[in-house]
N, C-alpha and C. Protein backbone atom coordinates (compact mmCIF):
# COMPACT_ATOMS: atom_id res chain seq x y z
N MET A 1 -38.95 280.06 33.46
CA MET A 1 -38.37 278.81 33.00
C MET A 1 -38.69 278.63 31.52
N LYS A 2 -37.66 278.50 30.71
CA LYS A 2 -37.84 278.30 29.28
C LYS A 2 -37.79 276.82 28.95
N ILE A 3 -38.74 276.36 28.19
CA ILE A 3 -38.74 274.99 27.72
C ILE A 3 -38.24 275.01 26.28
N PRO A 4 -37.16 274.31 25.99
CA PRO A 4 -36.63 274.33 24.62
C PRO A 4 -37.53 273.53 23.68
N ILE A 5 -37.96 274.18 22.62
CA ILE A 5 -38.78 273.53 21.60
C ILE A 5 -38.09 273.76 20.26
N SER A 6 -37.85 272.68 19.55
CA SER A 6 -37.16 272.80 18.27
C SER A 6 -38.12 273.35 17.21
N LYS A 7 -37.55 273.95 16.20
CA LYS A 7 -38.36 274.47 15.10
C LYS A 7 -39.06 273.34 14.37
N ARG A 8 -38.42 272.19 14.31
CA ARG A 8 -39.00 271.02 13.65
C ARG A 8 -40.28 270.57 14.38
N THR A 9 -40.23 270.54 15.70
CA THR A 9 -41.39 270.15 16.50
C THR A 9 -42.53 271.15 16.34
N ALA A 10 -42.19 272.43 16.36
CA ALA A 10 -43.22 273.47 16.18
C ALA A 10 -43.85 273.37 14.80
N ALA A 11 -43.03 273.12 13.78
CA ALA A 11 -43.55 273.00 12.41
C ALA A 11 -44.45 271.77 12.29
N LYS A 12 -44.07 270.68 12.93
CA LYS A 12 -44.88 269.46 12.89
C LYS A 12 -46.24 269.69 13.53
N GLU A 13 -46.26 270.32 14.71
CA GLU A 13 -47.52 270.60 15.38
C GLU A 13 -48.39 271.55 14.56
N TRP A 14 -47.78 272.55 13.93
CA TRP A 14 -48.52 273.49 13.12
C TRP A 14 -49.17 272.79 11.93
N LEU A 15 -48.44 271.87 11.29
CA LEU A 15 -49.00 271.14 10.15
C LEU A 15 -50.12 270.20 10.58
N ILE A 16 -49.99 269.59 11.74
CA ILE A 16 -51.08 268.75 12.26
C ILE A 16 -52.31 269.60 12.52
N PHE A 17 -52.12 270.76 13.12
CA PHE A 17 -53.23 271.67 13.39
C PHE A 17 -53.91 272.10 12.09
N LEU A 18 -53.11 272.52 11.10
CA LEU A 18 -53.69 272.94 9.82
C LEU A 18 -54.37 271.79 9.11
N GLY A 19 -53.84 270.59 9.26
CA GLY A 19 -54.45 269.42 8.62
C GLY A 19 -55.79 269.04 9.22
N THR A 20 -56.00 269.38 10.48
CA THR A 20 -57.28 269.04 11.12
C THR A 20 -58.33 270.13 10.98
N LEU A 21 -57.95 271.32 10.53
CA LEU A 21 -58.93 272.40 10.39
C LEU A 21 -60.08 272.08 9.43
N PRO A 22 -59.81 271.49 8.25
CA PRO A 22 -60.96 271.16 7.39
C PRO A 22 -61.93 270.19 8.05
N PHE A 23 -61.39 269.23 8.82
CA PHE A 23 -62.26 268.31 9.53
C PHE A 23 -63.05 269.03 10.62
N GLY A 24 -62.43 270.02 11.25
CA GLY A 24 -63.14 270.83 12.24
C GLY A 24 -64.28 271.62 11.62
N CYS A 25 -64.04 272.13 10.43
CA CYS A 25 -65.08 272.86 9.71
C CYS A 25 -66.26 271.94 9.40
N LEU A 26 -65.97 270.77 8.85
CA LEU A 26 -67.03 269.82 8.52
C LEU A 26 -67.75 269.33 9.78
N PHE A 27 -67.00 269.07 10.83
CA PHE A 27 -67.59 268.60 12.09
C PHE A 27 -68.52 269.66 12.66
N THR A 28 -68.11 270.92 12.61
CA THR A 28 -68.95 272.01 13.11
C THR A 28 -70.21 272.15 12.26
N TYR A 29 -70.07 272.03 10.95
CA TYR A 29 -71.22 272.13 10.05
C TYR A 29 -72.22 271.01 10.29
N TRP A 30 -71.74 269.77 10.40
CA TRP A 30 -72.64 268.63 10.57
C TRP A 30 -73.23 268.54 11.96
N ILE A 31 -72.41 268.74 12.99
CA ILE A 31 -72.88 268.56 14.35
C ILE A 31 -73.48 269.85 14.92
N GLY A 32 -72.80 270.95 14.76
CA GLY A 32 -73.24 272.21 15.36
C GLY A 32 -74.41 272.86 14.66
N TYR A 33 -74.45 272.73 13.33
CA TYR A 33 -75.50 273.41 12.57
C TYR A 33 -76.44 272.44 11.87
N ARG A 34 -76.20 271.17 12.00
CA ARG A 34 -77.05 270.11 11.44
C ARG A 34 -77.35 270.31 9.96
N GLY A 35 -76.36 270.74 9.22
CA GLY A 35 -76.50 270.88 7.78
C GLY A 35 -77.17 272.15 7.32
N ASP A 36 -77.43 273.10 8.21
CA ASP A 36 -78.05 274.38 7.83
C ASP A 36 -76.95 275.34 7.38
N PHE A 37 -76.67 275.34 6.07
CA PHE A 37 -75.53 276.11 5.57
C PHE A 37 -75.74 277.61 5.73
N ASP A 38 -76.96 278.11 5.54
CA ASP A 38 -77.20 279.55 5.66
C ASP A 38 -76.87 280.05 7.07
N ASN A 39 -77.30 279.33 8.08
CA ASN A 39 -77.00 279.71 9.46
C ASN A 39 -75.50 279.59 9.74
N PHE A 40 -74.89 278.53 9.21
CA PHE A 40 -73.45 278.32 9.36
C PHE A 40 -72.67 279.47 8.72
N TRP A 41 -73.08 279.87 7.53
CA TRP A 41 -72.42 280.98 6.81
C TRP A 41 -72.61 282.30 7.55
N ASN A 42 -73.83 282.57 8.00
CA ASN A 42 -74.12 283.83 8.68
C ASN A 42 -73.43 283.95 10.04
N ASN A 43 -73.10 282.84 10.65
CA ASN A 43 -72.38 282.85 11.93
C ASN A 43 -70.87 282.72 11.72
N VAL A 44 -70.38 283.18 10.58
CA VAL A 44 -68.95 283.20 10.26
C VAL A 44 -68.35 281.81 10.43
N PHE A 45 -68.95 280.82 9.77
CA PHE A 45 -68.50 279.43 9.80
C PHE A 45 -68.48 278.85 11.21
N GLY A 46 -69.36 279.30 12.05
CA GLY A 46 -69.46 278.78 13.40
C GLY A 46 -68.41 279.30 14.36
N LEU A 47 -67.83 280.45 14.06
CA LEU A 47 -66.77 280.99 14.92
C LEU A 47 -67.28 282.03 15.91
N ARG A 48 -68.57 282.18 16.05
CA ARG A 48 -69.12 283.20 16.95
C ARG A 48 -69.38 282.70 18.36
N ASP A 49 -69.65 281.42 18.52
CA ASP A 49 -70.01 280.87 19.83
C ASP A 49 -68.91 279.98 20.36
N ILE A 50 -68.78 279.90 21.67
CA ILE A 50 -67.76 279.06 22.29
C ILE A 50 -68.05 277.58 22.03
N GLU A 51 -69.32 277.21 21.96
CA GLU A 51 -69.66 275.81 21.72
C GLU A 51 -69.17 275.35 20.36
N THR A 52 -69.34 276.19 19.35
CA THR A 52 -68.91 275.80 18.02
C THR A 52 -67.40 275.93 17.85
N LEU A 53 -66.77 276.82 18.62
CA LEU A 53 -65.31 276.87 18.62
C LEU A 53 -64.73 275.57 19.15
N ILE A 54 -65.38 275.01 20.15
CA ILE A 54 -64.95 273.71 20.68
C ILE A 54 -65.11 272.64 19.61
N LEU A 55 -66.18 272.71 18.83
CA LEU A 55 -66.35 271.74 17.74
C LEU A 55 -65.26 271.88 16.69
N TRP A 56 -64.84 273.12 16.41
CA TRP A 56 -63.73 273.33 15.47
C TRP A 56 -62.47 272.63 15.97
N ALA A 57 -62.21 272.67 17.28
CA ALA A 57 -60.98 272.12 17.84
C ALA A 57 -61.06 270.62 18.13
N THR A 58 -62.23 270.04 18.07
CA THR A 58 -62.41 268.63 18.44
C THR A 58 -61.52 267.68 17.64
N PRO A 59 -61.41 267.79 16.31
CA PRO A 59 -60.52 266.86 15.59
C PRO A 59 -59.06 266.98 16.02
N TYR A 60 -58.58 268.20 16.24
CA TYR A 60 -57.20 268.39 16.69
C TYR A 60 -56.99 267.77 18.08
N LEU A 61 -57.95 267.98 18.96
CA LEU A 61 -57.85 267.41 20.30
C LEU A 61 -57.91 265.88 20.25
N ALA A 62 -58.73 265.33 19.36
CA ALA A 62 -58.82 263.87 19.22
C ALA A 62 -57.51 263.29 18.69
N VAL A 63 -56.91 263.95 17.70
CA VAL A 63 -55.63 263.48 17.17
C VAL A 63 -54.56 263.52 18.26
N ASN A 64 -54.52 264.59 19.03
CA ASN A 64 -53.53 264.68 20.11
C ASN A 64 -53.78 263.64 21.20
N PHE A 65 -55.03 263.37 21.50
CA PHE A 65 -55.35 262.34 22.48
C PHE A 65 -54.85 260.98 22.00
N LEU A 66 -55.07 260.68 20.72
CA LEU A 66 -54.59 259.41 20.17
C LEU A 66 -53.06 259.33 20.17
N ARG A 67 -52.41 260.44 19.82
CA ARG A 67 -50.95 260.47 19.83
C ARG A 67 -50.40 260.23 21.23
N ILE A 68 -51.00 260.87 22.22
CA ILE A 68 -50.55 260.71 23.60
C ILE A 68 -50.79 259.28 24.08
N THR A 69 -51.95 258.73 23.75
CA THR A 69 -52.29 257.37 24.17
C THR A 69 -51.33 256.36 23.56
N PHE A 70 -51.10 256.43 22.24
CA PHE A 70 -50.20 255.48 21.60
C PHE A 70 -48.76 255.68 22.06
N GLY A 71 -48.36 256.92 22.33
CA GLY A 71 -47.03 257.17 22.88
C GLY A 71 -46.85 256.54 24.24
N ALA A 72 -47.88 256.63 25.08
CA ALA A 72 -47.82 256.02 26.41
C ALA A 72 -47.76 254.50 26.31
N ILE A 73 -48.52 253.93 25.39
CA ILE A 73 -48.49 252.48 25.20
C ILE A 73 -47.11 252.03 24.74
N GLN A 74 -46.54 252.77 23.77
CA GLN A 74 -45.20 252.42 23.31
C GLN A 74 -44.17 252.54 24.43
N LEU A 75 -44.30 253.53 25.25
CA LEU A 75 -43.38 253.72 26.37
C LEU A 75 -43.50 252.56 27.37
N LEU A 76 -44.72 252.14 27.64
CA LEU A 76 -44.91 251.04 28.58
C LEU A 76 -44.45 249.71 28.02
N LEU A 77 -44.54 249.52 26.71
CA LEU A 77 -44.13 248.27 26.09
C LEU A 77 -42.65 248.20 25.77
N SER A 78 -41.96 249.31 25.83
CA SER A 78 -40.53 249.34 25.54
C SER A 78 -39.75 248.72 26.70
N PRO A 79 -38.57 248.16 26.39
CA PRO A 79 -37.76 247.59 27.48
C PRO A 79 -37.38 248.67 28.50
N ASN A 80 -37.29 248.27 29.74
CA ASN A 80 -36.95 249.21 30.82
C ASN A 80 -35.52 249.69 30.68
N ASP A 81 -35.29 250.96 30.92
CA ASP A 81 -33.95 251.52 30.97
C ASP A 81 -33.44 251.43 32.39
N SER A 82 -32.16 251.57 32.55
CA SER A 82 -31.59 251.55 33.89
C SER A 82 -31.75 252.89 34.61
N ASN A 83 -32.27 253.91 33.91
CA ASN A 83 -32.43 255.25 34.51
C ASN A 83 -33.58 255.25 35.45
């Protein structure tokens, strides 16, 4: 089963992902390594462990959670359709 995805939607998601990467880097540095730059650098910016990979993705996941939540609220507050 193919789900049609427009190029515009894919480009939008890609830009959101790229926009959150710097925040993921900072979040991993502050939370995962507690400001220890040498350890952060030696562990390839925190990309060696699954725990720090999750920290890299946390800002992107948070943005998506907020988008989904606000979308659901808008859907519930919109007038009912006859469908």
